[in-house]
Amino acid sequence: MDASVASKYANLPDIDTEQPDVYETPDVPEEESFDDEAEVPLSEDISTDTVPTGEAAARFRVSSGDIDPKSALARYQRSLLRTLQLESLSGDKEVYSGSGTSSVQLSETPEQRLRRLVYEAQELRGQLETSAGGKETKQSVSLMKLVSGLHDELAQLSLQTEKGNSESAQLLWKQLDEPSTSKDQDKPVARTEPTNISAFEQRIATLEKLIGANSTLMTEDSFVGHNLVETVARLRQQIEILADPQRVEGIQRRVKQMLVEMDRLELANMQANKAATEASEGKGTNATVRLDPGTIKRVDELYEKMSNIDSLIELAPATARRLQSLSKLHAEAAEAVSRISRMENEQGSISEELATMKEVAASLKSSIAENSETLKANVGHIDSRIAALNERLDGLKK
């Protein structure tokens, strides 16, 4: 060990400075080769030869004209719901026996049993409708009534268990966001199989059912553009709005105000109807007799004006909407007018300042002219005096 390093670690316990230094490096991981074929033995009856894509598509393609879209859609919905029921029963739990075969232990919860019964009731109703063939018999009618009553009771039970659906949806959403890890991490990782895709389809079907997309009521348009993420986000936003106590209190206050106003309107309407009823029974004649001619004339004029106004009542909503749409434009126009008036005032003040400057310039010009004349006279006088001095100097020199 180096002297500086030895002095650095001299006072530390459990350090043997007399032994040579040992540098440990992590072990190199051994390359493990996973042989899927060895784990899953294939039968001799299964052919593993590759088939071209075009030939396989031509072999399994079915003419689209021979299949009814509605029946194909119904079969797809039934198969999807059947796989959903199997998924809910199995719970993605497989138990491996000693021989290597996998066996599924099924445990059915009350909610899963309810979904299964609803599906069986719907399937039984469809079978009765197809077996009747358009002919209504007493036996078929009684069976249909029993099936309808059973379906209604199951629907009521499903409404009672609706509260638990939100928790299941959150759990499934969490499972989709964070894929579950394998229980046995020591097992080799196998290649991706089609069963994983079917599992995702089953989870998506479960989410669609939980958010309200019933498989028995789906149409061809419902399978197109159905974004689960947007639907769940919108439902969460609506739940947050409903859970906000301030917004709920505001809505309650507005509802109470509207109820009070509706009560007032109802009372006024009752009073008006009562007055009209009394007038129609003959009391209105005596009231008319008591009115003076001037009042009667004014009432007639008001009726004439109301008849003219009635034709404009239909235009009032459109006019109000038009005025509301033009309110912004009117505000901008008023602001523009105020700006123009302000500019005119500024222009007047500037013109006054220009007139004052012109007067000052004229007076300055006249004063400059006078001063120039005075300077010329002074210069001439000085020249004459200089000339006189020169003459006197010349006379003195002689």
Protein backbone atom coordinates (compact mmCIF):
# COMPACT_ATOMS: atom_id res chain seq x y z
CA MET A 1 0.00 0.00 0.00
CA ASP A 2 1.27 3.49 -0.81
CA ALA A 3 2.60 5.60 2.08
CA SER A 4 0.13 8.45 1.58
CA VAL A 5 -2.78 6.02 1.36
CA ALA A 6 -1.48 4.14 4.41
CA SER A 7 -1.31 7.35 6.43
CA LYS A 8 -4.83 8.20 5.31
CA TYR A 9 -6.35 4.94 6.52
CA ALA A 10 -3.98 4.35 9.47
CA ASN A 11 -6.49 5.31 12.20
CA LEU A 12 -9.48 3.46 10.71
CA PRO A 13 -10.51 0.19 12.42
CA ASP A 14 -10.67 -3.24 10.73
CA ILE A 15 -8.07 -2.39 8.08
CA ASP A 16 -5.05 -4.64 7.76
CA THR A 17 -2.27 -2.53 6.29
CA GLU A 18 0.22 -5.40 6.23
CA GLN A 19 -1.65 -7.56 3.71
CA PRO A 20 -1.38 -6.93 -0.04
CA ASP A 21 -4.16 -4.99 -1.75
CA VAL A 22 -6.98 -7.02 -3.32
CA TYR A 23 -9.16 -5.52 -6.08
CA GLU A 24 -12.51 -7.21 -6.61
CA THR A 25 -14.44 -6.96 -9.88
CA PRO A 26 -18.02 -8.08 -10.51
CA ASP A 27 -18.45 -11.51 -12.03
CA VAL A 28 -19.10 -11.67 -15.73
CA PRO A 29 -22.73 -12.76 -16.23
CA GLU A 30 -23.01 -16.03 -18.02
CA GLU A 31 -24.84 -15.95 -21.30
CA GLU A 32 -28.10 -17.75 -20.96
CA SER A 33 -29.77 -19.09 -24.03
CA PHE A 34 -33.45 -19.68 -23.71
CA ASP A 35 -34.85 -22.33 -25.94
CA ASP A 36 -38.58 -21.80 -26.26
CA GLU A 37 -38.96 -24.96 -28.29
CA ALA A 38 -37.48 -27.02 -25.45
CA GLU A 39 -39.90 -25.53 -22.91
CA VAL A 40 -43.02 -25.91 -25.05
CA PRO A 41 -42.82 -29.23 -26.89
CA LEU A 42 -44.65 -29.25 -30.20
CA SER A 43 -46.83 -32.07 -31.38
CA GLU A 44 -45.84 -34.11 -34.42
CA ASP A 45 -49.21 -33.34 -36.01
CA ILE A 46 -48.44 -29.59 -36.10
CA SER A 47 -46.62 -28.45 -39.20
CA THR A 48 -43.94 -25.81 -38.62
CA ASP A 49 -43.31 -25.12 -42.31
CA THR A 50 -43.46 -21.46 -43.31
CA VAL A 51 -46.34 -20.39 -45.54
CA PRO A 52 -46.18 -17.29 -47.75
CA THR A 53 -48.31 -14.39 -46.59
CA GLY A 54 -50.33 -14.16 -49.78
CA GLU A 55 -51.14 -17.87 -49.80
CA ALA A 56 -52.19 -17.79 -46.13
CA ALA A 57 -54.41 -14.75 -46.69
CA ALA A 58 -56.03 -16.37 -49.75
CA ARG A 59 -56.61 -19.60 -47.80
CA PHE A 60 -58.31 -18.00 -44.81
CA ARG A 61 -60.03 -15.10 -46.60
CA VAL A 62 -63.82 -15.21 -46.63
CA SER A 63 -65.88 -13.36 -49.20
CA SER A 64 -67.25 -10.20 -47.60
CA GLY A 65 -70.38 -10.29 -49.73
CA ASP A 66 -71.57 -13.59 -48.19
CA ILE A 67 -71.58 -12.26 -44.60
CA ASP A 68 -74.20 -9.99 -43.11
CA PRO A 69 -72.44 -7.07 -41.33
CA LYS A 70 -74.97 -7.08 -38.49
CA SER A 71 -74.61 -10.81 -37.84
CA ALA A 72 -70.81 -10.57 -38.02
CA LEU A 73 -70.87 -7.65 -35.59
CA ALA A 74 -73.17 -9.57 -33.22
CA ARG A 75 -70.87 -12.61 -33.34
CA TYR A 76 -67.85 -10.40 -32.63
CA GLN A 77 -69.63 -8.78 -29.68
CA ARG A 78 -70.65 -12.17 -28.25
CA SER A 79 -67.12 -13.55 -28.59
CA LEU A 80 -65.65 -10.40 -27.04
CA LEU A 81 -68.04 -10.57 -24.08
CA ARG A 82 -67.37 -14.31 -23.70
CA THR A 83 -63.61 -13.70 -23.51
CA LEU A 84 -64.31 -10.89 -21.04
CA GLN A 85 -66.26 -13.27 -18.81
CA LEU A 86 -63.48 -15.88 -19.00
CA GLU A 87 -60.90 -13.19 -18.16
CA SER A 88 -62.94 -12.01 -15.17
CA LEU A 89 -63.41 -15.60 -13.97
CA SER A 90 -59.78 -16.67 -14.34
CA GLY A 91 -58.32 -13.46 -12.98
CA ASP A 92 -55.07 -14.05 -14.96
CA LYS A 93 -54.02 -16.74 -12.44
CA GLU A 94 -52.46 -19.99 -13.71
CA VAL A 95 -51.38 -22.88 -11.50
CA TYR A 96 -48.79 -25.25 -12.96
CA SER A 97 -49.01 -28.89 -11.98
CA GLY A 98 -46.11 -31.27 -11.67
CA SER A 99 -46.58 -32.58 -15.20
CA GLY A 100 -46.06 -29.12 -16.66
CA THR A 101 -49.66 -28.57 -17.77
CA SER A 102 -51.46 -25.42 -16.66
CA SER A 103 -54.80 -25.55 -14.90
CA VAL A 104 -56.98 -22.52 -14.07
CA GLN A 105 -58.71 -22.20 -10.73
CA LEU A 106 -61.96 -20.27 -11.34
CA SER A 107 -63.43 -18.13 -8.57
CA GLU A 108 -66.56 -16.12 -9.45
CA THR A 109 -67.44 -12.97 -7.53
CA PRO A 110 -71.05 -11.68 -7.22
CA GLU A 111 -70.35 -8.87 -9.69
CA GLN A 112 -68.92 -11.31 -12.23
CA ARG A 113 -71.88 -13.64 -11.74
CA LEU A 114 -74.22 -10.68 -12.34
CA ARG A 115 -72.47 -9.84 -15.61
CA ARG A 116 -72.65 -13.49 -16.67
CA LEU A 117 -76.36 -13.66 -15.91
CA VAL A 118 -77.01 -10.46 -17.87
CA TYR A 119 -75.15 -11.89 -20.84
CA GLU A 120 -77.03 -15.21 -20.60
CA ALA A 121 -80.38 -13.39 -20.39
CA GLN A 122 -79.53 -11.37 -23.50
CA GLU A 123 -78.40 -14.49 -25.33
CA LEU A 124 -81.58 -16.34 -24.30
CA ARG A 125 -83.72 -13.48 -25.58
CA GLY A 126 -81.91 -13.57 -28.91
CA GLN A 127 -82.40 -17.33 -29.16
CA LEU A 128 -86.11 -16.98 -28.45
CA GLU A 129 -86.48 -14.27 -31.08
CA THR A 130 -84.67 -16.35 -33.70
CA SER A 131 -86.54 -19.56 -32.82
CA ALA A 132 -89.94 -17.83 -32.99
CA GLY A 133 -89.27 -16.78 -36.59
CA GLY A 134 -91.81 -13.95 -36.51
CA LYS A 135 -94.63 -16.21 -35.18
CA GLU A 136 -95.94 -15.27 -31.75
CA THR A 137 -97.21 -18.18 -29.67
CA LYS A 138 -98.38 -18.29 -26.10
CA GLN A 139 -95.30 -20.18 -24.98
CA SER A 140 -92.90 -17.81 -26.75
CA VAL A 141 -94.71 -14.73 -25.42
CA SER A 142 -94.64 -16.04 -21.85
CA LEU A 143 -90.97 -16.94 -22.14
CA MET A 144 -90.16 -13.49 -23.55
CA LYS A 145 -92.01 -11.86 -20.64
CA LEU A 146 -90.07 -13.95 -18.13
CA VAL A 147 -86.77 -13.15 -19.83
CA SER A 148 -87.62 -9.42 -19.97
CA GLY A 149 -88.51 -9.38 -16.27
CA LEU A 150 -85.31 -11.22 -15.42
CA HIS A 151 -83.29 -8.79 -17.53
CA ASP A 152 -84.92 -5.78 -15.81
CA GLU A 153 -84.14 -7.19 -12.35
CA LEU A 154 -80.55 -7.84 -13.36
CA ALA A 155 -80.30 -4.28 -14.70
CA GLN A 156 -81.49 -2.92 -11.35
CA LEU A 157 -78.90 -5.03 -9.56
CA SER A 158 -76.21 -3.74 -11.91
CA LEU A 159 -77.23 -0.16 -11.06
CA GLN A 160 -76.78 -0.96 -7.37
CA THR A 161 -73.26 -2.25 -8.02
CA GLU A 162 -72.34 0.75 -10.18
CA LYS A 163 -70.40 2.36 -7.34
CA GLY A 164 -67.78 -0.35 -7.42
CA ASN A 165 -67.17 0.14 -11.14
CA SER A 166 -65.15 3.33 -10.64
CA GLU A 167 -62.65 1.51 -8.41
CA SER A 168 -62.36 -1.32 -10.93
CA ALA A 169 -61.81 1.18 -13.72
CA GLN A 170 -59.04 2.90 -11.76
CA LEU A 171 -57.42 -0.47 -11.06
CA LEU A 172 -57.53 -1.47 -14.73
CA TRP A 173 -56.23 1.95 -15.76
CA LYS A 174 -53.31 1.52 -13.35
CA GLN A 175 -52.62 -1.93 -14.77
CA LEU A 176 -52.51 -0.49 -18.29
CA ASP A 177 -50.20 2.35 -17.24
CA GLU A 178 -47.86 0.13 -15.24
CA PRO A 179 -47.63 -3.39 -16.69
CA SER A 180 -47.57 -6.04 -14.00
CA THR A 181 -44.31 -7.84 -13.45
CA SER A 182 -44.03 -11.60 -13.56
CA LYS A 183 -44.37 -13.46 -10.28
CA ASP A 184 -41.54 -15.85 -11.03
CA GLN A 185 -38.66 -13.61 -12.06
CA ASP A 186 -36.23 -16.53 -12.21
CA LYS A 187 -38.10 -18.03 -15.16
CA PRO A 188 -36.74 -17.30 -18.65
CA VAL A 189 -38.46 -14.56 -20.62
CA ALA A 190 -40.55 -16.06 -23.41
CA ARG A 191 -41.27 -14.45 -26.73
CA THR A 192 -44.35 -12.29 -27.24
CA GLU A 193 -47.36 -14.41 -28.06
CA PRO A 194 -50.79 -13.52 -29.50
CA THR A 195 -52.33 -14.22 -26.09
CA ASN A 196 -50.85 -10.92 -24.82
CA ILE A 197 -52.73 -9.05 -27.56
CA SER A 198 -55.96 -10.82 -26.64
CA ALA A 199 -55.39 -9.90 -22.98
CA PHE A 200 -55.07 -6.22 -23.92
CA GLU A 201 -58.25 -6.49 -26.02
CA GLN A 202 -60.08 -8.01 -23.06
CA ARG A 203 -58.90 -5.21 -20.75
CA ILE A 204 -59.98 -2.59 -23.29
CA ALA A 205 -63.39 -4.29 -23.54
CA THR A 206 -63.66 -4.18 -19.75
CA LEU A 207 -62.88 -0.45 -19.75
CA GLU A 208 -65.44 0.16 -22.49
CA LYS A 209 -68.09 -1.66 -20.49
CA LEU A 210 -67.23 0.21 -17.29
CA ILE A 211 -67.42 3.65 -18.94
CA GLY A 212 -70.83 2.86 -20.41
CA ALA A 213 -70.13 1.35 -23.83
CA ASN A 214 -72.45 -1.68 -23.53
CA SER A 215 -71.51 -4.44 -25.94
CA THR A 216 -75.16 -5.28 -26.67
CA LEU A 217 -75.98 -1.71 -27.72
CA MET A 218 -72.86 -1.00 -29.81
CA THR A 219 -73.12 -0.20 -33.48
CA GLU A 220 -70.55 -0.12 -36.22
CA ASP A 221 -69.97 3.63 -35.69
CA SER A 222 -69.14 3.12 -32.00
CA PHE A 223 -66.02 1.10 -32.87
CA VAL A 224 -64.56 3.99 -34.87
CA GLY A 225 -62.80 6.91 -33.12
CA HIS A 226 -63.55 5.69 -29.56
CA ASN A 227 -60.67 7.11 -27.55
CA LEU A 228 -60.62 5.64 -24.05
CA VAL A 229 -58.04 8.11 -22.73
CA GLU A 230 -60.15 11.14 -23.68
CA THR A 231 -63.31 9.51 -22.29
CA VAL A 232 -61.68 8.70 -18.94
CA ALA A 233 -60.15 12.19 -18.74
CA ARG A 234 -63.53 13.78 -19.45
CA LEU A 235 -65.22 11.62 -16.80
CA ARG A 236 -62.54 12.54 -14.26
CA GLN A 237 -63.04 16.23 -15.03
CA GLN A 238 -66.81 15.93 -14.59
CA ILE A 239 -66.36 14.10 -11.29
CA GLU A 240 -63.98 16.82 -10.05
CA ILE A 241 -66.52 19.50 -11.01
CA LEU A 242 -69.31 17.67 -9.16
CA ALA A 243 -67.05 17.11 -6.15
CA ASP A 244 -66.17 20.83 -5.84
CA PRO A 245 -68.33 22.18 -2.95
CA GLN A 246 -68.01 25.82 -4.06
CA ARG A 247 -69.40 25.11 -7.51
CA VAL A 248 -72.20 22.97 -6.07
CA GLU A 249 -73.14 25.77 -3.66
CA GLY A 250 -73.15 28.30 -6.51
CA ILE A 251 -75.42 26.04 -8.57
CA GLN A 252 -77.75 25.60 -5.59
CA ARG A 253 -77.98 29.37 -5.08
CA ARG A 254 -78.81 29.93 -8.74
CA VAL A 255 -81.45 27.18 -8.65
CA LYS A 256 -83.05 28.73 -5.56
CA GLN A 257 -83.15 32.16 -7.24
CA MET A 258 -84.74 30.65 -10.32
CA LEU A 259 -87.33 28.85 -8.18
CA VAL A 260 -88.23 32.12 -6.41
CA GLU A 261 -88.59 33.91 -9.75
CA MET A 262 -90.72 31.07 -11.12
CA ASP A 263 -92.98 31.27 -8.05
CA ARG A 264 -93.41 35.00 -8.61
CA LEU A 265 -94.23 34.46 -12.26
CA GLU A 266 -96.71 31.74 -11.39
CA LEU A 267 -98.42 34.01 -8.84
CA ALA A 268 -98.62 36.84 -11.36
CA ASN A 269 -100.00 34.44 -13.97
CA MET A 270 -102.64 33.20 -11.54
CA GLN A 271 -103.69 36.77 -10.74
CA ALA A 272 -103.89 37.63 -14.42
CA ASN A 273 -105.98 34.52 -15.16
CA LYS A 274 -108.26 35.33 -12.25
CA ALA A 275 -108.76 38.88 -13.51
CA ALA A 276 -109.45 37.62 -17.01
CA THR A 277 -111.98 35.09 -15.65
CA GLU A 278 -113.79 37.79 -13.68
CA ALA A 279 -113.87 40.03 -16.74
CA SER A 280 -115.32 37.22 -18.87
CA GLU A 281 -118.07 36.54 -16.29
CA GLY A 282 -119.51 40.05 -16.59
CA LYS A 283 -117.55 42.07 -14.11
CA GLY A 284 -115.60 43.58 -16.94
CA THR A 285 -118.76 45.23 -18.31
CA ASN A 286 -119.32 47.20 -15.12
CA ALA A 287 -115.65 48.20 -15.12
CA THR A 288 -116.01 49.41 -18.68
CA VAL A 289 -119.01 51.48 -17.70
CA ARG A 290 -117.03 53.19 -14.95
CA LEU A 291 -114.20 54.23 -17.31
CA ASP A 292 -114.29 57.72 -18.74
CA PRO A 293 -114.07 58.34 -22.50
CA GLY A 294 -110.48 59.58 -22.28
CA THR A 295 -109.31 56.36 -20.63
CA ILE A 296 -111.18 54.25 -23.17
CA LYS A 297 -109.53 56.20 -25.98
CA ARG A 298 -106.10 55.65 -24.48
CA VAL A 299 -106.79 51.91 -24.11
CA ASP A 300 -107.81 51.72 -27.78
CA GLU A 301 -104.61 53.51 -28.80
CA LEU A 302 -102.57 51.09 -26.71
CA TYR A 303 -104.28 48.12 -28.40
CA GLU A 304 -103.46 49.57 -31.83
CA LYS A 305 -99.84 50.08 -30.83
CA MET A 306 -99.64 46.55 -29.43
CA SER A 307 -100.94 45.14 -32.71
CA ASN A 308 -98.12 46.96 -34.50
CA ILE A 309 -95.56 45.77 -31.96
CA ASP A 310 -96.68 42.12 -32.18
CA SER A 311 -95.21 41.83 -35.66
CA LEU A 312 -91.83 42.97 -34.30
CA ILE A 313 -91.75 40.58 -31.32
CA GLU A 314 -90.40 37.75 -33.48
CA LEU A 315 -87.54 39.98 -34.61
CA ALA A 316 -86.60 40.97 -31.05
CA PRO A 317 -84.46 37.88 -30.17
CA ALA A 318 -82.53 38.07 -33.44
CA THR A 319 -82.07 41.81 -32.98
CA ALA A 320 -80.86 41.31 -29.41
CA ARG A 321 -78.37 38.66 -30.52
CA ARG A 322 -77.21 40.94 -33.34
CA LEU A 323 -76.74 43.84 -30.92
CA GLN A 324 -74.79 41.61 -28.56
CA SER A 325 -72.53 40.50 -31.38
CA LEU A 326 -72.06 44.12 -32.48
CA SER A 327 -71.49 45.48 -28.97
CA LYS A 328 -67.75 44.98 -29.30
CA LEU A 329 -67.76 46.77 -32.65
CA HIS A 330 -69.76 49.64 -31.18
CA ALA A 331 -67.32 49.94 -28.29
CA GLU A 332 -64.41 50.07 -30.73
CA ALA A 333 -66.25 52.70 -32.80
CA ALA A 334 -66.85 54.84 -29.70
CA GLU A 335 -63.18 54.53 -28.78
CA ALA A 336 -62.20 55.53 -32.32
CA VAL A 337 -64.48 58.60 -32.14
CA SER A 338 -62.89 59.63 -28.84
CA ARG A 339 -59.44 59.22 -30.37
CA ILE A 340 -60.43 61.33 -33.39
CA SER A 341 -61.80 64.10 -31.16
CA ARG A 342 -58.60 64.00 -29.12
CA MET A 343 -56.54 64.28 -32.30
CA GLU A 344 -58.65 67.23 -33.47
CA ASN A 345 -58.04 69.03 -30.18
CA GLU A 346 -54.32 68.37 -30.46
CA GLN A 347 -54.35 69.61 -34.06
CA GLY A 348 -56.10 72.86 -32.97
CA SER A 349 -53.52 73.49 -30.27
CA ILE A 350 -50.71 72.81 -32.76
CA SER A 351 -52.25 75.25 -35.28
CA GLU A 352 -52.47 77.93 -32.57
CA GLU A 353 -48.82 77.37 -31.71
CA LEU A 354 -47.90 77.67 -35.40
CA ALA A 355 -49.75 80.99 -35.68
CA THR A 356 -47.92 82.30 -32.62
CA MET A 357 -44.60 81.15 -34.08
CA LYS A 358 -45.40 82.91 -37.36
CA GLU A 359 -46.06 86.18 -35.52
CA VAL A 360 -42.82 85.81 -33.58
CA ALA A 361 -40.92 85.11 -36.81
CA ALA A 362 -42.42 88.21 -38.52
CA SER A 363 -41.49 90.47 -35.59
CA LEU A 364 -38.02 88.95 -35.53
CA LYS A 365 -37.62 89.59 -39.26
CA SER A 366 -38.64 93.25 -38.92
CA SER A 367 -36.27 93.77 -35.99
CA ILE A 368 -33.43 92.17 -37.96
CA ALA A 369 -34.11 94.54 -40.89
CA GLU A 370 -34.08 97.58 -38.61
CA ASN A 371 -30.89 96.41 -36.92
CA SER A 372 -29.21 95.86 -40.29
CA GLU A 373 -30.07 99.43 -41.36
CA THR A 374 -28.71 100.78 -38.09
CA LEU A 375 -25.53 98.74 -38.53
CA LYS A 376 -25.08 100.06 -42.06
CA ALA A 377 -25.47 103.65 -40.86
CA ASN A 378 -23.00 103.09 -38.04
CA VAL A 379 -20.50 101.47 -40.41
CA GLY A 380 -20.80 104.43 -42.85
CA HIS A 381 -20.29 106.91 -40.04
CA ILE A 382 -17.22 104.99 -38.86
CA ASP A 383 -15.84 104.93 -42.43
CA SER A 384 -16.25 108.67 -42.74
CA ARG A 385 -14.47 109.29 -39.47
CA ILE A 386 -11.64 106.95 -40.47
CA ALA A 387 -11.29 108.83 -43.76
CA ALA A 388 -11.17 112.14 -41.88
CA LEU A 389 -8.51 110.77 -39.57
CA ASN A 390 -6.47 109.57 -42.54
CA GLU A 391 -6.61 113.04 -44.10
CA ARG A 392 -5.50 114.66 -40.88
CA LEU A 393 -2.63 112.19 -40.57
CA ASP A 394 -1.57 112.97 -44.12
CA GLY A 395 -1.66 116.71 -43.33
CA LEU A 396 0.46 116.23 -40.26
CA LYS A 397 3.03 114.24 -42.21
CA LYS A 398 3.42 117.04 -44.76
